[in-house]
């Protein structure tokens, strides 16, 4: 069975991929934002796996995942507010549905994904 360590490992891999994607201007903004959304999604799923010992639900809905996580631990308010809109980036991987964003949007989203991942790693270590 896949445990929370596997989710954390995949999250860290996706974080590295998102960073490389963000730094390479030839990669579409929507693809980079999708990578960042995946970091958030996998981070939350790692906590669900940690607290429940079960495989997280198959969903991309960040709001739903946050709700599940908050049954076990409170997500810091600044992180929660910043990650809730990230569900929107799932559909943006399709060419006809993406919006153009700014480098600042990308940087801010990446920073919050890094912050979420660091917080989750500390939660797992401290419990």
Protein backbone atom coordinates (compact mmCIF):
# COMPACT_ATOMS: atom_id res chain seq x y z
CA UNK A 1 0.00 0.00 0.00
CA UNK A 2 1.11 3.53 -0.69
CA UNK A 3 1.92 5.37 2.53
CA UNK A 4 2.35 9.01 3.41
CA UNK A 5 6.10 8.73 2.77
CA UNK A 6 5.37 7.85 -0.85
CA UNK A 7 3.09 10.87 -1.16
CA UNK A 8 5.75 13.13 0.38
CA UNK A 9 8.38 11.74 -1.98
CA UNK A 10 6.17 12.37 -5.01
CA UNK A 11 5.31 15.83 -3.69
CA UNK A 12 8.97 16.73 -3.38
CA UNK A 13 9.56 15.48 -6.91
CA UNK A 14 6.67 17.59 -8.21
CA UNK A 15 8.00 20.60 -6.30
CA UNK A 16 11.35 20.23 -8.07
CA UNK A 17 9.56 19.86 -11.41
CA UNK A 18 7.46 22.96 -10.71
CA UNK A 19 10.59 24.95 -9.86
CA UNK A 20 12.32 23.93 -13.09
CA UNK A 21 9.16 24.63 -15.04
CA UNK A 22 8.82 28.06 -13.44
CA UNK A 23 12.40 28.95 -14.35
CA UNK A 24 12.10 27.84 -17.98
CA UNK A 25 10.23 30.54 -19.88
CA UNK A 26 9.64 28.18 -22.81
CA UNK A 27 7.20 26.18 -20.68
CA UNK A 28 3.62 27.42 -20.82
CA UNK A 29 2.34 29.28 -17.78
CA UNK A 30 -0.63 26.92 -17.50
CA UNK A 31 1.67 23.88 -17.41
CA UNK A 32 3.74 25.42 -14.64
CA UNK A 33 0.62 26.30 -12.65
CA UNK A 34 -0.66 22.77 -13.09
CA UNK A 35 2.62 21.45 -11.62
CA UNK A 36 2.21 23.81 -8.68
CA UNK A 37 -1.39 22.67 -8.19
CA UNK A 38 -0.13 19.09 -8.13
CA UNK A 39 2.31 20.00 -5.34
CA UNK A 40 -0.59 21.34 -3.29
CA UNK A 41 -2.80 18.35 -4.07
CA UNK A 42 -0.14 15.75 -3.28
CA UNK A 43 0.89 17.62 -0.12
CA UNK A 44 -2.67 17.44 1.19
CA UNK A 45 -2.99 13.80 0.17
CA UNK A 46 0.20 12.99 2.10
CA UNK A 47 -1.39 14.36 5.26
CA UNK A 48 -4.59 12.40 4.65
CA UNK A 49 -2.55 9.22 4.18
CA UNK A 50 -0.56 10.04 7.32
CA UNK A 51 -3.58 10.61 9.58
CA UNK A 52 -5.87 7.91 8.17
CA UNK A 53 -3.41 5.23 7.11
CA UNK A 54 -5.50 4.84 3.96
CA UNK A 55 -5.23 5.86 0.35
CA UNK A 56 -6.60 9.39 -0.16
CA UNK A 57 -9.65 9.93 -2.33
CA UNK A 58 -9.10 10.34 -6.06
CA UNK A 59 -9.88 14.02 -6.52
CA UNK A 60 -8.24 17.22 -7.67
CA UNK A 61 -10.58 19.34 -5.54
CA UNK A 62 -8.30 21.30 -3.21
CA UNK A 63 -11.27 22.52 -1.15
CA UNK A 64 -12.46 18.97 -0.55
CA UNK A 65 -8.96 17.81 0.35
CA UNK A 66 -8.55 20.74 2.77
CA UNK A 67 -11.85 19.82 4.42
CA UNK A 68 -10.65 16.25 4.89
CA UNK A 69 -7.27 17.35 6.28
CA UNK A 70 -8.93 19.75 8.72
CA UNK A 71 -10.72 16.84 10.34
CA UNK A 72 -7.27 15.94 11.74
CA UNK A 73 -5.24 19.15 11.86
CA UNK A 74 -5.90 22.83 11.26
CA UNK A 75 -4.21 24.24 8.16
CA UNK A 76 -2.65 27.65 8.89
CA UNK A 77 -5.09 30.34 7.74
CA UNK A 78 -2.63 32.13 5.42
CA UNK A 79 -1.85 28.89 3.62
CA UNK A 80 -5.49 27.82 3.43
CA UNK A 81 -6.63 31.10 1.88
CA UNK A 82 -3.86 30.96 -0.71
CA UNK A 83 -4.31 27.33 -1.80
CA UNK A 84 -8.11 27.15 -2.13
CA UNK A 85 -8.20 28.82 -5.59
CA UNK A 86 -5.61 26.37 -6.96
CA UNK A 87 -8.28 23.84 -7.99
CA UNK A 88 -8.85 26.15 -10.95
CA UNK A 89 -5.52 25.16 -12.49
CA UNK A 90 -6.53 21.55 -13.15
CA UNK A 91 -8.59 22.47 -16.21
CA UNK A 92 -5.94 24.93 -17.41
CA UNK A 93 -3.78 22.16 -18.75
CA UNK A 94 -6.06 21.97 -21.80
CA UNK A 95 -5.18 24.52 -24.52
CA UNK A 96 -8.69 25.89 -24.97
CA UNK A 97 -9.26 26.50 -21.25
CA UNK A 98 -6.16 28.21 -19.95
CA UNK A 99 -5.79 31.79 -18.86
CA UNK A 100 -2.67 33.84 -19.15
CA UNK A 101 -1.14 34.81 -15.83
CA UNK A 102 1.87 36.74 -14.73
CA UNK A 103 5.27 35.72 -13.47
CA UNK A 104 4.21 37.22 -10.14
CA UNK A 105 1.16 34.91 -10.01
CA UNK A 106 3.40 31.96 -10.69
CA UNK A 107 6.02 33.01 -8.13
CA UNK A 108 3.39 33.61 -5.43
CA UNK A 109 1.72 30.25 -6.09
CA UNK A 110 5.06 28.45 -6.03
CA UNK A 111 6.02 30.10 -2.74
CA UNK A 112 2.76 29.06 -1.08
CA UNK A 113 3.17 25.49 -2.40
CA UNK A 114 6.67 25.41 -0.88
CA UNK A 115 5.30 26.80 2.39
CA UNK A 116 2.53 24.18 2.46
CA UNK A 117 5.00 21.37 1.80
CA UNK A 118 7.35 22.58 4.55
CA UNK A 119 4.44 22.88 7.00
CA UNK A 120 3.22 19.38 6.16
CA UNK A 121 6.67 17.89 6.59
CA UNK A 122 6.87 19.54 10.01
CA UNK A 123 3.40 18.21 10.93
CA UNK A 124 4.38 14.67 10.04
CA UNK A 125 7.69 14.92 11.89
CA UNK A 126 6.12 16.50 15.00
CA UNK A 127 3.32 13.95 15.45
